[in-house]
C-alpha atoms as a PDB file:
ATOM      1  CA  UNK A   1      -0.019  -0.088  -0.084  1.00  0.00           C
ATOM      2  CA  UNK A   2       2.700   2.500   0.905  1.00  0.00           C
ATOM      3  CA  UNK A   3       4.491   1.688  -2.263  1.00  0.00           C
ATOM      4  CA  UNK A   4       1.163   2.285  -4.305  1.00  0.00           C
ATOM      5  CA  UNK A   5       1.018   5.954  -2.745  1.00  0.00           C
ATOM      6  CA  UNK A   6       4.447   6.489  -3.476  1.00  0.00           C
ATOM      7  CA  UNK A   7       4.079   5.722  -7.113  1.00  0.00           C
ATOM      8  CA  UNK A   8       0.901   7.826  -7.254  1.00  0.00           C
ATOM      9  CA  UNK A   9       2.618  11.015  -5.417  1.00  0.00           C
ATOM     10  CA  UNK A  10       5.567  10.446  -8.235  1.00  0.00           C
ATOM     11  CA  UNK A  11       3.298  10.816 -10.992  1.00  0.00           C
ATOM     12  CA  UNK A  12       1.608  13.769  -9.409  1.00  0.00           C
ATOM     13  CA  UNK A  13       4.775  15.602  -9.239  1.00  0.00           C
ATOM     14  CA  UNK A  14       5.608  14.896 -12.499  1.00  0.00           C
ATOM     15  CA  UNK A  15       2.171  15.910 -13.860  1.00  0.00           C
ATOM     16  CA  UNK A  16       2.251  19.116 -11.886  1.00  0.00           C
ATOM     17  CA  UNK A  17       4.579  21.077 -14.683  1.00  0.00           C
ATOM     18  CA  UNK A  18       2.571  19.699 -17.444  1.00  0.00           C
ATOM     19  CA  UNK A  19      -0.623  20.740 -15.960  1.00  0.00           C
ATOM     20  CA  UNK A  20       0.753  24.234 -14.989  1.00  0.00           C
ATOM     21  CA  UNK A  21       1.981  24.752 -18.444  1.00  0.00           C
ATOM     22  CA  UNK A  22      -1.350  24.258 -19.701  1.00  0.00           C
ATOM     23  CA  UNK A  23      -2.903  26.512 -17.460  1.00  0.00           C
ATOM     24  CA  UNK A  24      -0.394  29.428 -18.490  1.00  0.00           C
ATOM     25  CA  UNK A  25      -0.734  28.555 -22.191  1.00  0.00           C
ATOM     26  CA  UNK A  26      -2.143  31.533 -24.028  1.00  0.00           C
ATOM     27  CA  UNK A  27      -5.585  30.531 -25.804  1.00  0.00           C
ATOM     28  CA  UNK A  28      -5.967  31.549 -29.394  1.00  0.00           C
ATOM     29  CA  UNK A  29      -7.509  30.340 -32.916  1.00  0.00           C
ATOM     30  CA  UNK A  30      -4.626  28.505 -34.512  1.00  0.00           C
ATOM     31  CA  UNK A  31      -1.102  27.723 -33.911  1.00  0.00           C
ATOM     32  CA  UNK A  32       0.414  28.052 -37.131  1.00  0.00           C
ATOM     33  CA  UNK A  33       3.978  26.846 -38.839  1.00  0.00           C
ATOM     34  CA  UNK A  34       4.594  28.159 -42.160  1.00  0.00           C
ATOM     35  CA  UNK A  35       7.488  25.605 -43.261  1.00  0.00           C
ATOM     36  CA  UNK A  36       9.351  27.222 -46.258  1.00  0.00           C
ATOM     37  CA  UNK A  37      11.526  25.183 -48.979  1.00  0.00           C
ATOM     38  CA  UNK A  38      15.262  26.336 -48.579  1.00  0.00           C
ATOM     39  CA  UNK A  39      16.539  23.523 -50.341  1.00  0.00           C
ATOM     40  CA  UNK A  40      19.272  23.701 -53.273  1.00  0.00           C
ATOM     41  CA  UNK A  41      16.768  24.132 -55.949  1.00  0.00           C
ATOM     42  CA  UNK A  42      15.816  27.360 -54.341  1.00  0.00           C
ATOM     43  CA  UNK A  43      18.604  30.532 -54.761  1.00  0.00           C
ATOM     44  CA  UNK A  44      19.057  33.200 -52.341  1.00  0.00           C
ATOM     45  CA  UNK A  45      17.080  35.453 -54.757  1.00  0.00           C
ATOM     46  CA  UNK A  46      14.033  32.817 -54.853  1.00  0.00           C
ATOM     47  CA  UNK A  47      14.373  32.811 -50.825  1.00  0.00           C
ATOM     48  CA  UNK A  48      13.578  36.433 -50.677  1.00  0.00           C
ATOM     49  CA  UNK A  49      10.988  36.338 -53.423  1.00  0.00           C
ATOM     50  CA  UNK A  50       9.135  33.852 -51.210  1.00  0.00           C
ATOM     51  CA  UNK A  51       9.461  35.822 -47.992  1.00  0.00           C
ATOM     52  CA  UNK A  52       7.811  38.403 -49.847  1.00  0.00           C
ATOM     53  CA  UNK A  53       5.046  36.760 -51.013  1.00  0.00           C
ATOM     54  CA  UNK A  54       4.137  35.651 -47.296  1.00  0.00           C
ATOM     55  CA  UNK A  55       4.903  38.962 -45.759  1.00  0.00           C
ATOM     56  CA  UNK A  56       2.875  40.529 -48.719  1.00  0.00           C
ATOM     57  CA  UNK A  57      -0.096  37.825 -47.809  1.00  0.00           C
ATOM     58  CA  UNK A  58       0.210  38.191 -43.704  1.00  0.00           C
ATOM     59  CA  UNK A  59      -0.614  42.116 -44.166  1.00  0.00           C
ATOM     60  CA  UNK A  60      -3.308  41.626 -46.577  1.00  0.00           C
ATOM     61  CA  UNK A  61      -6.470  42.994 -45.654  1.00  0.00           C
ATOM     62  CA  UNK A  62      -8.624  39.861 -46.028  1.00  0.00           C
ATOM     63  CA  UNK A  63      -6.118  37.861 -44.138  1.00  0.00           C
ATOM     64  CA  UNK A  64      -6.394  40.047 -41.276  1.00  0.00           C
ATOM     65  CA  UNK A  65     -10.460  39.819 -41.569  1.00  0.00           C
ATOM     66  CA  UNK A  66     -10.064  36.340 -41.314  1.00  0.00           C
ATOM     67  CA  UNK A  67      -8.187  36.624 -38.326  1.00  0.00           C
ATOM     68  CA  UNK A  68     -10.439  38.703 -36.684  1.00  0.00           C
ATOM     69  CA  UNK A  69     -13.377  36.779 -37.726  1.00  0.00           C
ATOM     70  CA  UNK A  70     -12.268  33.962 -35.573  1.00  0.00           C
ATOM     71  CA  UNK A  71     -13.179  33.145 -31.665  1.00  0.00           C
ATOM     72  CA  UNK A  72     -10.588  34.800 -30.092  1.00  0.00           C
ATOM     73  CA  UNK A  73      -9.379  36.901 -32.971  1.00  0.00           C
ATOM     74  CA  UNK A  74      -5.564  35.855 -32.700  1.00  0.00           C
ATOM     75  CA  UNK A  75      -3.603  33.352 -34.021  1.00  0.00           C
ATOM     76  CA  UNK A  76       0.100  32.715 -33.222  1.00  0.00           C
ATOM     77  CA  UNK A  77       2.632  31.952 -36.505  1.00  0.00           C
ATOM     78  CA  UNK A  78       6.105  31.057 -36.946  1.00  0.00           C
ATOM     79  CA  UNK A  79       8.435  30.924 -40.274  1.00  0.00           C
ATOM     80  CA  UNK A  80      10.949  28.271 -40.614  1.00  0.00           C
ATOM     81  CA  UNK A  81      12.946  27.314 -43.450  1.00  0.00           C
ATOM     82  CA  UNK A  82      14.223  23.986 -44.409  1.00  0.00           C
ATOM     83  CA  UNK A  83      16.747  22.214 -46.015  1.00  0.00           C
ATOM     84  CA  UNK A  84      18.762  18.852 -45.574  1.00  0.00           C
ATOM     85  CA  UNK A  85      18.526  16.886 -42.268  1.00  0.00           C
ATOM     86  CA  UNK A  86      19.228  18.950 -39.313  1.00  0.00           C
ATOM     87  CA  UNK A  87      19.218  22.132 -41.599  1.00  0.00           C
ATOM     88  CA  UNK A  88      15.895  24.106 -40.134  1.00  0.00           C
ATOM     89  CA  UNK A  89      16.169  27.862 -39.393  1.00  0.00           C
ATOM     90  CA  UNK A  90      13.445  29.776 -37.274  1.00  0.00           C
ATOM     91  CA  UNK A  91      13.263  33.000 -39.346  1.00  0.00           C
ATOM     92  CA  UNK A  92      10.388  34.458 -37.247  1.00  0.00           C
ATOM     93  CA  UNK A  93       9.977  32.662 -33.802  1.00  0.00           C
ATOM     94  CA  UNK A  94       6.153  32.156 -32.571  1.00  0.00           C
ATOM     95  CA  UNK A  95       4.443  35.662 -32.866  1.00  0.00           C
ATOM     96  CA  UNK A  96       0.859  36.560 -31.767  1.00  0.00           C
ATOM     97  CA  UNK A  97      -1.139  38.392 -34.904  1.00  0.00           C
ATOM     98  CA  UNK A  98      -4.120  39.856 -33.947  1.00  0.00           C
ATOM     99  CA  UNK A  99      -4.288  43.053 -36.275  1.00  0.00           C
ATOM    100  CA  UNK A 100      -2.707  45.123 -38.924  1.00  0.00           C
ATOM    101  CA  UNK A 101       0.037  46.215 -36.612  1.00  0.00           C
ATOM    102  CA  UNK A 102       1.105  42.653 -35.591  1.00  0.00           C
ATOM    103  CA  UNK A 103       1.153  41.441 -38.646  1.00  0.00           C
ATOM    104  CA  UNK A 104       3.149  44.319 -40.193  1.00  0.00           C
ATOM    105  CA  UNK A 105       5.872  43.520 -37.477  1.00  0.00           C
ATOM    106  CA  UNK A 106       5.758  39.776 -38.536  1.00  0.00           C
ATOM    107  CA  UNK A 107       6.487  40.666 -42.361  1.00  0.00           C
ATOM    108  CA  UNK A 108       9.398  43.350 -41.579  1.00  0.00           C
ATOM    109  CA  UNK A 109      11.015  40.656 -39.376  1.00  0.00           C
ATOM    110  CA  UNK A 110      10.519  38.235 -42.209  1.00  0.00           C
ATOM    111  CA  UNK A 111      12.363  40.019 -44.371  1.00  0.00           C
ATOM    112  CA  UNK A 112      15.394  40.741 -42.067  1.00  0.00           C
ATOM    113  CA  UNK A 113      17.357  37.686 -41.566  1.00  0.00           C
ATOM    114  CA  UNK A 114      19.948  36.171 -44.223  1.00  0.00           C
ATOM    115  CA  UNK A 115      19.495  32.824 -45.290  1.00  0.00           C
ATOM    116  CA  UNK A 116      20.639  29.688 -42.896  1.00  0.00           C
ATOM    117  CA  UNK A 117      19.170  26.621 -44.257  1.00  0.00           C
ATOM    118  CA  UNK A 118      20.633  24.374 -47.031  1.00  0.00           C
ATOM    119  CA  UNK A 119      20.775  21.228 -48.757  1.00  0.00           C
ATOM    120  CA  UNK A 120      18.587  18.648 -50.133  1.00  0.00           C
ATOM    121  CA  UNK A 121      15.043  17.579 -49.323  1.00  0.00           C
ATOM    122  CA  UNK A 122      14.535  16.388 -45.995  1.00  0.00           C
ATOM    123  CA  UNK A 123      10.607  16.518 -45.681  1.00  0.00           C
ATOM    124  CA  UNK A 124      10.167  14.170 -42.919  1.00  0.00           C
ATOM    125  CA  UNK A 125      13.132  16.084 -40.838  1.00  0.00           C
ATOM    126  CA  UNK A 126      11.260  19.048 -41.478  1.00  0.00           C
ATOM    127  CA  UNK A 127       7.859  18.078 -40.500  1.00  0.00           C
ATOM    128  CA  UNK A 128       9.097  16.485 -37.170  1.00  0.00           C
ATOM    129  CA  UNK A 129      10.995  19.776 -36.480  1.00  0.00           C
ATOM    130  CA  UNK A 130       7.797  21.814 -37.015  1.00  0.00           C
ATOM    131  CA  UNK A 131       5.864  19.565 -34.937  1.00  0.00           C
ATOM    132  CA  UNK A 132       8.334  19.673 -31.801  1.00  0.00           C
ATOM    133  CA  UNK A 133       8.105  23.684 -32.191  1.00  0.00           C
ATOM    134  CA  UNK A 134       4.236  23.295 -31.984  1.00  0.00           C
ATOM    135  CA  UNK A 135       4.506  20.824 -28.864  1.00  0.00           C
ATOM    136  CA  UNK A 136       7.078  23.446 -27.291  1.00  0.00           C
ATOM    137  CA  UNK A 137       5.478  26.767 -27.396  1.00  0.00           C
ATOM    138  CA  UNK A 138       3.507  28.670 -25.112  1.00  0.00           C
ATOM    139  CA  UNK A 139       0.147  28.754 -26.969  1.00  0.00           C
ATOM    140  CA  UNK A 140      -3.055  26.563 -26.970  1.00  0.00           C
ATOM    141  CA  UNK A 141      -4.751  26.885 -30.311  1.00  0.00           C
ATOM    142  CA  UNK A 142      -8.188  25.644 -31.303  1.00  0.00           C
ATOM    143  CA  UNK A 143      -6.297  23.952 -34.287  1.00  0.00           C
ATOM    144  CA  UNK A 144      -2.797  23.561 -35.109  1.00  0.00           C
ATOM    145  CA  UNK A 145      -1.576  23.651 -38.492  1.00  0.00           C
ATOM    146  CA  UNK A 146       1.766  22.995 -40.481  1.00  0.00           C
ATOM    147  CA  UNK A 147       1.958  24.280 -43.845  1.00  0.00           C
ATOM    148  CA  UNK A 148       5.064  23.035 -45.733  1.00  0.00           C
ATOM    149  CA  UNK A 149       5.682  24.561 -49.312  1.00  0.00           C
ATOM    150  CA  UNK A 150       8.051  22.865 -51.654  1.00  0.00           C
ATOM    151  CA  UNK A 151       8.932  22.296 -55.411  1.00  0.00           C
ATOM    152  CA  UNK A 152       9.124  18.679 -54.932  1.00  0.00           C
ATOM    153  CA  UNK A 153       7.818  15.728 -52.660  1.00  0.00           C
ATOM    154  CA  UNK A 154      10.833  13.613 -52.572  1.00  0.00           C
ATOM    155  CA  UNK A 155      13.047  12.795 -49.625  1.00  0.00           C
ATOM    156  CA  UNK A 156      16.564  12.659 -49.796  1.00  0.00           C
ATOM    157  CA  UNK A 157      17.706  12.180 -46.544  1.00  0.00           C
ATOM    158  CA  UNK A 158      16.515  11.953 -42.811  1.00  0.00           C
ATOM    159  CA  UNK A 159      13.473  10.315 -41.509  1.00  0.00           C
ATOM    160  CA  UNK A 160      10.987   9.338 -44.218  1.00  0.00           C
ATOM    161  CA  UNK A 161       8.047  11.009 -44.861  1.00  0.00           C
ATOM    162  CA  UNK A 162       5.288   8.553 -44.493  1.00  0.00           C
ATOM    163  CA  UNK A 163       6.153   8.022 -40.529  1.00  0.00           C
ATOM    164  CA  UNK A 164       6.838  11.719 -39.851  1.00  0.00           C
ATOM    165  CA  UNK A 165       3.792  12.560 -41.608  1.00  0.00           C
ATOM    166  CA  UNK A 166       1.986   9.962 -39.548  1.00  0.00           C
ATOM    167  CA  UNK A 167       3.628  11.188 -35.972  1.00  0.00           C
ATOM    168  CA  UNK A 168       2.253  14.659 -36.806  1.00  0.00           C
ATOM    169  CA  UNK A 169      -1.392  13.708 -37.718  1.00  0.00           C
ATOM    170  CA  UNK A 170      -1.482  11.256 -34.929  1.00  0.00           C
ATOM    171  CA  UNK A 171      -0.674  14.474 -32.733  1.00  0.00           C
ATOM    172  CA  UNK A 172      -3.830  16.090 -34.011  1.00  0.00           C
ATOM    173  CA  UNK A 173      -2.092  18.159 -36.244  1.00  0.00           C
ATOM    174  CA  UNK A 174      -3.022  19.269 -39.825  1.00  0.00           C
ATOM    175  CA  UNK A 175      -0.639  19.268 -42.636  1.00  0.00           C
ATOM    176  CA  UNK A 176      -1.397  21.471 -45.695  1.00  0.00           C
ATOM    177  CA  UNK A 177       0.926  22.125 -48.754  1.00  0.00           C
ATOM    178  CA  UNK A 178       1.696  24.642 -51.115  1.00  0.00           C
ATOM    179  CA  UNK A 179       2.925  23.193 -54.421  1.00  0.00           C
ATOM    180  CA  UNK A 180       5.616  25.619 -55.756  1.00  0.00           C
ATOM    181  CA  UNK A 181       5.429  25.558 -59.608  1.00  0.00           C
ATOM    182  CA  UNK A 182       6.584  28.959 -60.444  1.00  0.00           C
ATOM    183  CA  UNK A 183       9.036  28.691 -63.414  1.00  0.00           C
ATOM    184  CA  UNK A 184      10.985  31.714 -62.214  1.00  0.00           C
ATOM    185  CA  UNK A 185      11.032  30.639 -58.727  1.00  0.00           C
ATOM    186  CA  UNK A 186      11.310  26.794 -58.708  1.00  0.00           C
ATOM    187  CA  UNK A 187      10.424  24.426 -61.408  1.00  0.00           C
ATOM    188  CA  UNK A 188       8.029  21.437 -61.965  1.00  0.00           C
ATOM    189  CA  UNK A 189       9.443  18.251 -61.412  1.00  0.00           C
ATOM    190  CA  UNK A 190       9.813  15.596 -64.165  1.00  0.00           C
ATOM    191  CA  UNK A 191       8.039  12.390 -64.258  1.00  0.00           C
ATOM    192  CA  UNK A 192       5.118  13.060 -61.875  1.00  0.00           C
ATOM    193  CA  UNK A 193       2.319  15.462 -60.984  1.00  0.00           C
ATOM    194  CA  UNK A 194       3.325  17.514 -58.017  1.00  0.00           C
ATOM    195  CA  UNK A 195       0.116  18.363 -56.741  1.00  0.00           C
ATOM    196  CA  UNK A 196      -0.867  14.830 -56.831  1.00  0.00           C
ATOM    197  CA  UNK A 197       2.207  13.989 -55.189  1.00  0.00           C
ATOM    198  CA  UNK A 198       1.669  16.236 -52.175  1.00  0.00           C
ATOM    199  CA  UNK A 199      -2.042  14.973 -51.933  1.00  0.00           C
ATOM    200  CA  UNK A 200      -0.737  11.482 -51.639  1.00  0.00           C
ATOM    201  CA  UNK A 201       2.603  11.798 -49.576  1.00  0.00           C
ATOM    202  CA  UNK A 202       2.697  15.091 -47.655  1.00  0.00           C
ATOM    203  CA  UNK A 203      -0.772  16.322 -46.900  1.00  0.00           C
ATOM    204  CA  UNK A 204      -3.018  14.878 -43.982  1.00  0.00           C
ATOM    205  CA  UNK A 205      -5.461  15.597 -41.426  1.00  0.00           C
ATOM    206  CA  UNK A 206      -9.146  16.798 -41.189  1.00  0.00           C
ATOM    207  CA  UNK A 207      -9.781  19.154 -44.084  1.00  0.00           C
ATOM    208  CA  UNK A 208      -5.879  19.296 -45.115  1.00  0.00           C
ATOM    209  CA  UNK A 209      -5.198  20.815 -48.831  1.00  0.00           C
ATOM    210  CA  UNK A 210      -2.738  21.775 -51.481  1.00  0.00           C
ATOM    211  CA  UNK A 211      -2.503  25.016 -53.176  1.00  0.00           C
ATOM    212  CA  UNK A 212      -0.720  25.144 -56.198  1.00  0.00           C
ATOM    213  CA  UNK A 213       1.681  28.039 -57.220  1.00  0.00           C
ATOM    214  CA  UNK A 214       2.047  28.292 -61.054  1.00  0.00           C
ATOM    215  CA  UNK A 215       3.367  31.487 -61.890  1.00  0.00           C
ATOM    216  CA  UNK A 216       5.364  34.195 -60.459  1.00  0.00           C
ATOM    217  CA  UNK A 217       2.940  36.280 -60.493  1.00  0.00           C
ATOM    218  CA  UNK A 218       0.327  34.307 -58.352  1.00  0.00           C
ATOM    219  CA  UNK A 219       2.392  32.959 -55.860  1.00  0.00           C
ATOM    220  CA  UNK A 220       1.428  35.710 -53.341  1.00  0.00           C
ATOM    221  CA  UNK A 221      -2.450  35.059 -54.290  1.00  0.00           C
ATOM    222  CA  UNK A 222      -1.987  31.428 -53.742  1.00  0.00           C
ATOM    223  CA  UNK A 223      -0.288  32.043 -50.462  1.00  0.00           C
ATOM    224  CA  UNK A 224      -2.719  34.357 -49.397  1.00  0.00           C
ATOM    225  CA  UNK A 225      -5.754  32.331 -50.452  1.00  0.00           C
ATOM    226  CA  UNK A 226      -4.060  29.272 -48.671  1.00  0.00           C
ATOM    227  CA  UNK A 227      -3.618  31.352 -45.170  1.00  0.00           C
ATOM    228  CA  UNK A 228      -7.443  32.570 -45.500  1.00  0.00           C
ATOM    229  CA  UNK A 229      -8.472  28.891 -45.752  1.00  0.00           C
ATOM    230  CA  UNK A 230      -6.214  27.829 -42.734  1.00  0.00           C
ATOM    231  CA  UNK A 231      -6.935  30.878 -40.432  1.00  0.00           C
ATOM    232  CA  UNK A 232     -10.672  30.469 -41.180  1.00  0.00           C
ATOM    233  CA  UNK A 233     -11.064  26.894 -40.822  1.00  0.00           C
ATOM    234  CA  UNK A 234     -12.480  26.353 -44.006  1.00  0.00           C
ATOM    235  CA  UNK A 235     -12.200  22.934 -45.938  1.00  0.00           C
ATOM    236  CA  UNK A 236     -11.898  23.243 -49.586  1.00  0.00           C
ATOM    237  CA  UNK A 237     -14.357  21.520 -52.074  1.00  0.00           C
ATOM    238  CA  UNK A 238     -11.379  19.798 -53.344  1.00  0.00           C
ATOM    239  CA  UNK A 239      -8.082  18.633 -51.609  1.00  0.00           C
ATOM    240  CA  UNK A 240      -6.074  20.246 -54.378  1.00  0.00           C
ATOM    241  CA  UNK A 241      -6.585  24.159 -54.984  1.00  0.00           C
ATOM    242  CA  UNK A 242      -5.902  25.806 -58.042  1.00  0.00           C
ATOM    243  CA  UNK A 243      -6.069  29.487 -58.792  1.00  0.00           C
ATOM    244  CA  UNK A 244      -8.666  30.468 -61.322  1.00  0.00           C
END
C-alpha cells in the first residue's frame, strides 16, 4: 500500500509542470507553422521572393479580416525555412498576430535575417521539427497546422516522409501544402504530378489541402488564399486547390 501511494505521489509531481504549463498557455484560434522550402533548388533571390510573398499575404486586409473573424481574433505564427536533415532555420519565432500592426511587425521581421538553411530535401525531418516547435510553444490553439511549401515531394535524407507525417497527424496536427511550380522561382519536377504527390504523400488530417502556385505573378495570391482557408478553418471542396 505504501509503495502504491509513493508511486501515485511521484506521478503527481511529474504531472504538475505539464498541468501548470497548460493553464498558463495563451489561448487562441490557430497555431500555424509556415514551413518554407530552402533546399538547393531555391537560390537566395528566390528565398527573398518567397518571403516577400508571405509578407504580402500576412498583411493583406482579407487575411487580417479572417483572423479577426475567429473566436479569439488572434493566431500564433512562426516561419521556418528547411533544407537537408538538421538544417532548419527559425526565421521568425512564434508571434501572436491579432491585427494590422502585429502582422506588419511579422512581415518586417521576415525580411530581415539572412538565409541559413541549405541542402537537399529532408521533408520528413522538417515535419518533425515543426511538430516539436508546436509541442514546445506556450500557446493553446483551437487548431494546429503545419503548412509546408516545396517544389518537390521527394525525400533525399533524414526520416522518411510517411512515418514522420503519421506522427504529426497522430498528434492532432493538420498538414497543408503549397506546391511551388513557378518557372522563375522553382521548377515543375520531371516525371510526376507535384500536386498529386503532395496529396498522396505529404498533406494529412481533417480538411487538409494543397494549393498550387503556378507562376511568379500568382505566388502571393496562392499564399494569401491558403492562409485565409487555414485561418478561417474552411475545408476546400477539393484537396488540390488551383487559382482560377
